[in-house]
Amino acid sequence: MTEDNPSNLQFSHIGLYVSDLSRMARFYKQALRFTQTDAGDLGTVQLVFLSRDPREHHQLVLATGRPANPGFNVVNQISFRVPDIATLRQFHDRLLAEGAHDMHPVTHGNAVSVYCRDPEGNRLELFMDTPWYCEQPLREPIDLSQPDEVIVAQAEAIAKRFPKFMSRAQWQAEVARRMEADQRD
């Protein structure tokens, strides 16, 4: 691989400052089934390392030291991909049971998502890709109690309303061409 190859830079993990380390670790372990891979102190900061992938030491690190009144959370959201609507529903129910709040099931046309807040107010998104692309941003409510086929049909109908509707494969090929051109510039 060359130095300018886009695969040389891959997203790995995110770290969050938290107020209640044990509560937040418990939430992510129970609600989203992360496994604690390590924990310890780094000076005065206590850390918990969590992962759902055995190839990654951690995908999420929780660190003590969040100010009592930070004023503004610079993390817009933390997003997790799931394979299908059934899994999305399972996590939706688990998140509610573990105290997630501000729950919003939506479709973006190119995905079906559930947005919520963790116990300290960080926004989470769990989503399932659809086989389509349509322009973003787009966000319309959906009813997760509907059958899978109805939800998928609704997402497709919404996506088809937009002039640049295409298959995900077509969109990925186009973006790959653009990325390749960007690497040459």
Protein backbone atom coordinates (compact mmCIF):
# COMPACT_ATOMS: atom_id res chain seq x y z
CA MET A 1 0.00 0.00 0.00
CA THR A 2 1.13 3.50 -0.72
CA GLU A 3 1.13 6.28 1.81
CA ASP A 4 -1.82 8.05 0.14
CA ASN A 5 -4.01 4.93 -0.04
CA PRO A 6 -7.33 5.67 1.72
CA SER A 7 -7.25 2.28 3.47
CA ASN A 8 -4.13 3.43 5.34
CA LEU A 9 -6.40 5.52 7.56
CA GLN A 10 -9.21 3.61 9.26
CA PHE A 11 -11.45 4.73 12.08
CA SER A 12 -10.71 2.71 15.21
CA HIS A 13 -12.31 4.03 18.40
CA ILE A 14 -13.78 6.92 20.32
CA GLY A 15 -13.24 8.08 23.89
CA LEU A 16 -15.79 9.79 26.10
CA TYR A 17 -15.30 11.70 29.31
CA VAL A 18 -17.90 10.51 31.83
CA SER A 19 -19.11 11.53 35.27
CA ASP A 20 -20.16 8.11 36.57
CA LEU A 21 -17.70 5.55 35.20
CA SER A 22 -19.32 2.42 36.63
CA ARG A 23 -22.83 3.44 35.51
CA MET A 24 -21.67 4.24 31.98
CA ALA A 25 -19.59 1.05 31.70
CA ARG A 26 -22.55 -1.00 32.90
CA PHE A 27 -24.86 0.73 30.38
CA TYR A 28 -22.61 0.01 27.39
CA LYS A 29 -21.93 -3.55 28.55
CA GLN A 30 -25.58 -4.38 29.19
CA ALA A 31 -27.45 -2.30 26.61
CA LEU A 32 -25.05 -2.72 23.67
CA ARG A 33 -23.21 -5.87 24.81
CA PHE A 34 -19.71 -4.42 24.81
CA THR A 35 -17.04 -6.50 26.56
CA GLN A 36 -14.66 -4.84 28.97
CA THR A 37 -11.16 -5.54 27.68
CA ASP A 38 -9.19 -3.53 30.25
CA ALA A 39 -9.52 -0.95 32.99
CA GLY A 40 -7.14 1.07 35.08
CA ASP A 41 -5.78 4.40 36.15
CA LEU A 42 -3.66 6.78 34.11
CA GLY A 43 -2.59 9.31 36.69
CA THR A 44 -5.80 10.70 38.14
CA VAL A 45 -7.98 9.49 35.25
CA GLN A 46 -9.76 6.14 35.51
CA LEU A 47 -10.32 4.35 32.21
CA VAL A 48 -12.54 1.49 31.03
CA PHE A 49 -11.85 -0.03 27.61
CA LEU A 50 -14.74 -1.68 25.75
CA SER A 51 -15.01 -3.59 22.47
CA ARG A 52 -17.39 -5.75 20.44
CA ASP A 53 -14.66 -6.88 18.04
CA PRO A 54 -11.87 -9.24 19.17
CA ARG A 55 -9.54 -7.61 16.61
CA GLU A 56 -9.92 -4.27 18.38
CA HIS A 57 -8.56 -3.82 21.90
CA HIS A 58 -11.15 -1.10 22.32
CA GLN A 59 -13.74 0.62 20.21
CA LEU A 60 -14.96 2.76 23.08
CA VAL A 61 -12.96 4.10 26.01
CA LEU A 62 -14.68 5.75 28.96
CA ALA A 63 -12.59 8.19 31.00
CA THR A 64 -13.38 9.98 34.23
CA GLY A 65 -13.10 13.74 34.27
CA ARG A 66 -16.25 15.01 32.58
CA PRO A 67 -16.97 18.46 34.04
CA ALA A 68 -20.15 18.79 36.11
CA ASN A 69 -21.52 21.48 33.79
CA PRO A 70 -19.67 21.18 30.47
CA GLY A 71 -22.09 23.57 28.75
CA PHE A 72 -21.92 21.76 25.45
CA ASN A 73 -21.24 18.19 24.32
CA VAL A 74 -19.00 18.26 21.26
CA VAL A 75 -19.87 14.64 20.38
CA ASN A 76 -22.76 14.80 17.93
CA GLN A 77 -23.40 11.05 18.01
CA ILE A 78 -21.82 7.61 18.25
CA SER A 79 -23.19 5.26 15.57
CA PHE A 80 -23.33 1.47 15.49
CA ARG A 81 -24.28 -0.67 12.48
CA VAL A 82 -26.55 -3.71 12.90
CA PRO A 83 -27.27 -6.35 10.24
CA ASP A 84 -31.07 -6.29 10.15
CA ILE A 85 -34.30 -4.88 11.54
CA ALA A 86 -34.74 -7.75 14.01
CA THR A 87 -31.40 -6.87 15.62
CA LEU A 88 -32.32 -3.18 15.58
CA ARG A 89 -35.54 -4.00 17.46
CA GLN A 90 -33.65 -6.12 20.01
CA PHE A 91 -31.24 -3.28 20.76
CA HIS A 92 -34.11 -0.78 20.85
CA ASP A 93 -35.78 -2.83 23.58
CA ARG A 94 -32.52 -3.41 25.44
CA LEU A 95 -31.64 0.28 25.34
CA LEU A 96 -35.03 1.20 26.79
CA ALA A 97 -34.65 -1.43 29.52
CA GLU A 98 -31.22 -0.04 30.44
CA GLY A 99 -32.38 3.54 30.78
CA ALA A 100 -31.70 5.08 27.39
CA HIS A 101 -33.98 8.03 26.76
CA ASP A 102 -35.06 10.40 23.98
CA MET A 103 -35.74 7.39 21.70
CA HIS A 104 -36.48 8.10 18.00
CA PRO A 105 -36.87 5.34 15.37
CA VAL A 106 -36.40 6.91 11.93
CA THR A 107 -35.44 6.20 8.37
CA HIS A 108 -32.93 8.13 6.30
CA GLY A 109 -33.97 6.24 3.15
CA ASN A 110 -30.47 4.78 2.97
CA ALA A 111 -30.76 3.42 6.53
CA VAL A 112 -33.23 2.57 9.26
CA SER A 113 -32.07 3.98 12.60
CA VAL A 114 -32.84 4.31 16.26
CA TYR A 115 -31.52 7.43 17.99
CA CYS A 116 -31.40 7.75 21.77
CA ARG A 117 -29.36 9.19 24.62
CA ASP A 118 -27.17 7.23 27.01
CA PRO A 119 -27.44 7.91 30.77
CA GLU A 120 -25.17 10.98 30.52
CA GLY A 121 -26.88 12.43 27.46
CA ASN A 122 -24.54 11.31 24.66
CA ARG A 123 -26.52 10.66 21.48
CA LEU A 124 -26.34 7.13 20.07
CA GLU A 125 -27.48 5.87 16.69
CA LEU A 126 -28.01 2.21 15.89
CA PHE A 127 -28.71 1.66 12.22
CA MET A 128 -29.23 -0.88 9.48
CA ASP A 129 -28.18 0.00 5.93
CA THR A 130 -30.76 -0.30 3.18
CA PRO A 131 -29.77 -1.27 -0.38
CA TRP A 132 -30.36 2.31 -1.64
CA TYR A 133 -28.82 5.73 -1.68
CA CYS A 134 -30.67 9.02 -1.58
CA GLU A 135 -29.52 12.55 -0.75
CA GLN A 136 -28.89 13.40 2.87
CA PRO A 137 -29.81 14.79 5.29
CA LEU A 138 -33.15 13.06 5.48
CA ARG A 139 -34.92 11.89 8.61
CA GLU A 140 -38.51 10.64 8.84
CA PRO A 141 -40.11 8.77 11.75
CA ILE A 142 -40.90 5.08 11.42
CA ASP A 143 -42.83 2.60 13.52
CA LEU A 144 -40.62 -0.32 14.58
CA SER A 145 -43.71 -2.33 15.53
CA GLN A 146 -44.54 -2.70 11.82
CA PRO A 147 -43.41 -5.87 10.00
CA ASP A 148 -39.92 -5.79 8.49
CA GLU A 149 -41.30 -5.71 4.93
CA VAL A 150 -43.42 -2.64 5.71
CA ILE A 151 -40.47 -0.77 7.24
CA VAL A 152 -38.20 -1.62 4.29
CA ALA A 153 -40.91 -0.63 1.79
CA GLN A 154 -41.41 2.67 3.60
CA ALA A 155 -37.67 3.40 3.56
CA GLU A 156 -37.50 2.60 -0.16
CA ALA A 157 -40.54 4.76 -0.98
CA ILE A 158 -38.99 7.68 0.90
CA ALA A 159 -35.62 7.20 -0.83
CA LYS A 160 -37.27 7.04 -4.28
CA ARG A 161 -38.78 10.50 -3.79
CA PHE A 162 -35.33 12.01 -4.34
CA PRO A 163 -33.88 12.63 -7.81
CA LYS A 164 -30.49 11.03 -7.10
CA PHE A 165 -31.98 7.73 -5.89
CA MET A 166 -29.77 4.78 -6.87
CA SER A 167 -28.60 1.46 -5.52
CA ARG A 168 -26.06 1.47 -2.70
CA ALA A 169 -23.65 -0.40 -5.01
CA GLN A 170 -23.91 2.35 -7.65
CA TRP A 171 -23.37 5.04 -5.03
CA GLN A 172 -20.37 3.21 -3.52
CA ALA A 173 -18.76 2.86 -6.96
CA GLU A 174 -19.25 6.59 -7.59
CA VAL A 175 -17.80 7.55 -4.19
CA ALA A 176 -14.84 5.19 -4.75
CA ARG A 177 -14.12 7.01 -8.04
CA ARG A 178 -14.33 10.40 -6.29
CA MET A 179 -12.06 9.23 -3.48
CA GLU A 180 -9.54 7.92 -5.96
CA ALA A 181 -9.55 11.29 -7.75
CA ASP A 182 -9.17 13.11 -4.42
CA GLN A 183 -6.09 11.01 -3.63
CA ARG A 184 -4.48 12.10 -6.92
CA ASP A 185 -5.01 15.83 -6.21
